[in-house]
């Protein structure tokens, strides 16, 4: 589990720290999830392209704009245990 705490999504410092510790494989996993979130939130094509190119700043910008509510991220729970939940 990559362990991004949903309660701390508003903290850019926290997100920078977590993303900087990820390996390439895990960063790609996060990038795919953040890209879906960015599309759902109608982020610009430029931001989405930056996310695809594994730009941590673009991912941090997108994630930090979310409100840390479990129901927003619930969709990801079953497929990708990144945001602090365990999949049974």
C-alpha atoms as a PDB file:
ATOM      1  CA  UNK A   1       0.000   0.000   0.000  1.00  0.00           C
ATOM      2  CA  UNK A   2       1.288   3.452  -0.903  1.00  0.00           C
ATOM      3  CA  UNK A   3      -0.404   5.074   2.068  1.00  0.00           C
ATOM      4  CA  UNK A   4      -1.611   8.562   1.129  1.00  0.00           C
ATOM      5  CA  UNK A   5      -3.697   9.708   4.081  1.00  0.00           C
ATOM      6  CA  UNK A   6      -6.989  11.231   2.808  1.00  0.00           C
ATOM      7  CA  UNK A   7      -7.125  13.542   5.824  1.00  0.00           C
ATOM      8  CA  UNK A   8      -3.879  15.188   4.684  1.00  0.00           C
ATOM      9  CA  UNK A   9      -4.707  15.706   1.010  1.00  0.00           C
ATOM     10  CA  UNK A  10      -4.867  19.460   1.531  1.00  0.00           C
ATOM     11  CA  UNK A  11      -1.227  19.573   2.644  1.00  0.00           C
ATOM     12  CA  UNK A  12       1.069  20.146  -0.307  1.00  0.00           C
ATOM     13  CA  UNK A  13       4.078  19.549   1.921  1.00  0.00           C
ATOM     14  CA  UNK A  14       2.749  16.147   2.963  1.00  0.00           C
ATOM     15  CA  UNK A  15       1.934  15.180  -0.625  1.00  0.00           C
ATOM     16  CA  UNK A  16       5.383  16.260  -1.812  1.00  0.00           C
ATOM     17  CA  UNK A  17       6.987  14.138   0.897  1.00  0.00           C
ATOM     18  CA  UNK A  18       4.913  11.044   0.068  1.00  0.00           C
ATOM     19  CA  UNK A  19       5.315  11.336  -3.710  1.00  0.00           C
ATOM     20  CA  UNK A  20       9.052  11.904  -3.449  1.00  0.00           C
ATOM     21  CA  UNK A  21       9.441   8.549  -1.680  1.00  0.00           C
ATOM     22  CA  UNK A  22       7.641   6.575  -4.396  1.00  0.00           C
ATOM     23  CA  UNK A  23       9.453   4.437  -6.904  1.00  0.00           C
ATOM     24  CA  UNK A  24       8.723   4.744 -10.612  1.00  0.00           C
ATOM     25  CA  UNK A  25       6.183   1.912 -10.632  1.00  0.00           C
ATOM     26  CA  UNK A  26       4.171   3.341  -7.737  1.00  0.00           C
ATOM     27  CA  UNK A  27       4.426   6.862  -9.143  1.00  0.00           C
ATOM     28  CA  UNK A  28       2.910   5.600 -12.391  1.00  0.00           C
ATOM     29  CA  UNK A  29       0.043   4.009 -10.433  1.00  0.00           C
ATOM     30  CA  UNK A  30      -0.614   7.265  -8.621  1.00  0.00           C
ATOM     31  CA  UNK A  31      -0.356   9.171 -11.897  1.00  0.00           C
ATOM     32  CA  UNK A  32      -3.097   7.059 -13.501  1.00  0.00           C
ATOM     33  CA  UNK A  33      -5.405   7.642 -10.548  1.00  0.00           C
ATOM     34  CA  UNK A  34      -4.678  11.364 -10.362  1.00  0.00           C
ATOM     35  CA  UNK A  35      -5.250  11.641 -14.110  1.00  0.00           C
ATOM     36  CA  UNK A  36      -8.756  10.175 -13.703  1.00  0.00           C
ATOM     37  CA  UNK A  37      -9.436  12.594 -10.850  1.00  0.00           C
ATOM     38  CA  UNK A  38      -8.151  15.517 -12.938  1.00  0.00           C
ATOM     39  CA  UNK A  39     -10.421  14.559 -15.838  1.00  0.00           C
ATOM     40  CA  UNK A  40     -13.419  14.260 -13.520  1.00  0.00           C
ATOM     41  CA  UNK A  41     -12.630  17.696 -12.055  1.00  0.00           C
ATOM     42  CA  UNK A  42     -12.269  19.145 -15.589  1.00  0.00           C
ATOM     43  CA  UNK A  43      -8.641  20.154 -15.157  1.00  0.00           C
ATOM     44  CA  UNK A  44      -6.865  21.591 -18.198  1.00  0.00           C
ATOM     45  CA  UNK A  45      -5.377  19.410 -20.916  1.00  0.00           C
ATOM     46  CA  UNK A  46      -1.973  20.846 -20.029  1.00  0.00           C
ATOM     47  CA  UNK A  47      -2.325  19.705 -16.401  1.00  0.00           C
ATOM     48  CA  UNK A  48      -3.440  16.248 -17.497  1.00  0.00           C
ATOM     49  CA  UNK A  49      -0.460  15.964 -19.833  1.00  0.00           C
ATOM     50  CA  UNK A  50       1.873  17.014 -16.996  1.00  0.00           C
ATOM     51  CA  UNK A  51       0.341  14.313 -14.789  1.00  0.00           C
ATOM     52  CA  UNK A  52       0.865  11.740 -17.543  1.00  0.00           C
ATOM     53  CA  UNK A  53       4.523  12.732 -17.731  1.00  0.00           C
ATOM     54  CA  UNK A  54       4.820  12.010 -13.979  1.00  0.00           C
ATOM     55  CA  UNK A  55       5.120  15.672 -12.968  1.00  0.00           C
ATOM     56  CA  UNK A  56       4.807  15.545  -9.178  1.00  0.00           C
ATOM     57  CA  UNK A  57       3.853  19.220  -8.934  1.00  0.00           C
ATOM     58  CA  UNK A  58       0.836  18.678 -11.208  1.00  0.00           C
ATOM     59  CA  UNK A  59      -0.234  15.660  -9.141  1.00  0.00           C
ATOM     60  CA  UNK A  60       0.180  17.624  -5.914  1.00  0.00           C
ATOM     61  CA  UNK A  61      -1.826  20.529  -7.313  1.00  0.00           C
ATOM     62  CA  UNK A  62      -4.689  18.231  -8.341  1.00  0.00           C
ATOM     63  CA  UNK A  63      -4.754  16.191  -5.135  1.00  0.00           C
ATOM     64  CA  UNK A  64      -4.475  19.184  -2.823  1.00  0.00           C
ATOM     65  CA  UNK A  65      -7.613  20.694  -4.354  1.00  0.00           C
ATOM     66  CA  UNK A  66      -9.707  17.722  -3.272  1.00  0.00           C
ATOM     67  CA  UNK A  67     -11.624  17.775  -0.061  1.00  0.00           C
ATOM     68  CA  UNK A  68     -10.471  14.901   2.127  1.00  0.00           C
ATOM     69  CA  UNK A  69     -13.704  12.951   2.186  1.00  0.00           C
ATOM     70  CA  UNK A  70     -13.669   9.197   1.961  1.00  0.00           C
ATOM     71  CA  UNK A  71     -16.657   9.108  -0.359  1.00  0.00           C
ATOM     72  CA  UNK A  72     -14.799  11.095  -3.032  1.00  0.00           C
ATOM     73  CA  UNK A  73     -12.028   8.531  -3.098  1.00  0.00           C
ATOM     74  CA  UNK A  74     -14.216   5.496  -2.456  1.00  0.00           C
ATOM     75  CA  UNK A  75     -14.178   4.577  -6.144  1.00  0.00           C
ATOM     76  CA  UNK A  76     -10.431   4.028  -5.949  1.00  0.00           C
ATOM     77  CA  UNK A  77     -10.617   1.888  -2.827  1.00  0.00           C
ATOM     78  CA  UNK A  78     -11.547  -1.345  -4.538  1.00  0.00           C
ATOM     79  CA  UNK A  79      -9.051  -1.036  -7.380  1.00  0.00           C
ATOM     80  CA  UNK A  80      -6.041   0.718  -5.889  1.00  0.00           C
ATOM     81  CA  UNK A  81      -5.326   0.696  -2.155  1.00  0.00           C
ATOM     82  CA  UNK A  82      -3.327   3.919  -2.348  1.00  0.00           C
ATOM     83  CA  UNK A  83      -5.331   6.316  -0.252  1.00  0.00           C
ATOM     84  CA  UNK A  84      -4.991   4.601   3.098  1.00  0.00           C
ATOM     85  CA  UNK A  85      -7.675   1.916   2.826  1.00  0.00           C
ATOM     86  CA  UNK A  86      -7.150  -1.803   2.863  1.00  0.00           C
ATOM     87  CA  UNK A  87      -8.874  -3.948   0.282  1.00  0.00           C
ATOM     88  CA  UNK A  88     -10.448  -7.053   1.826  1.00  0.00           C
END
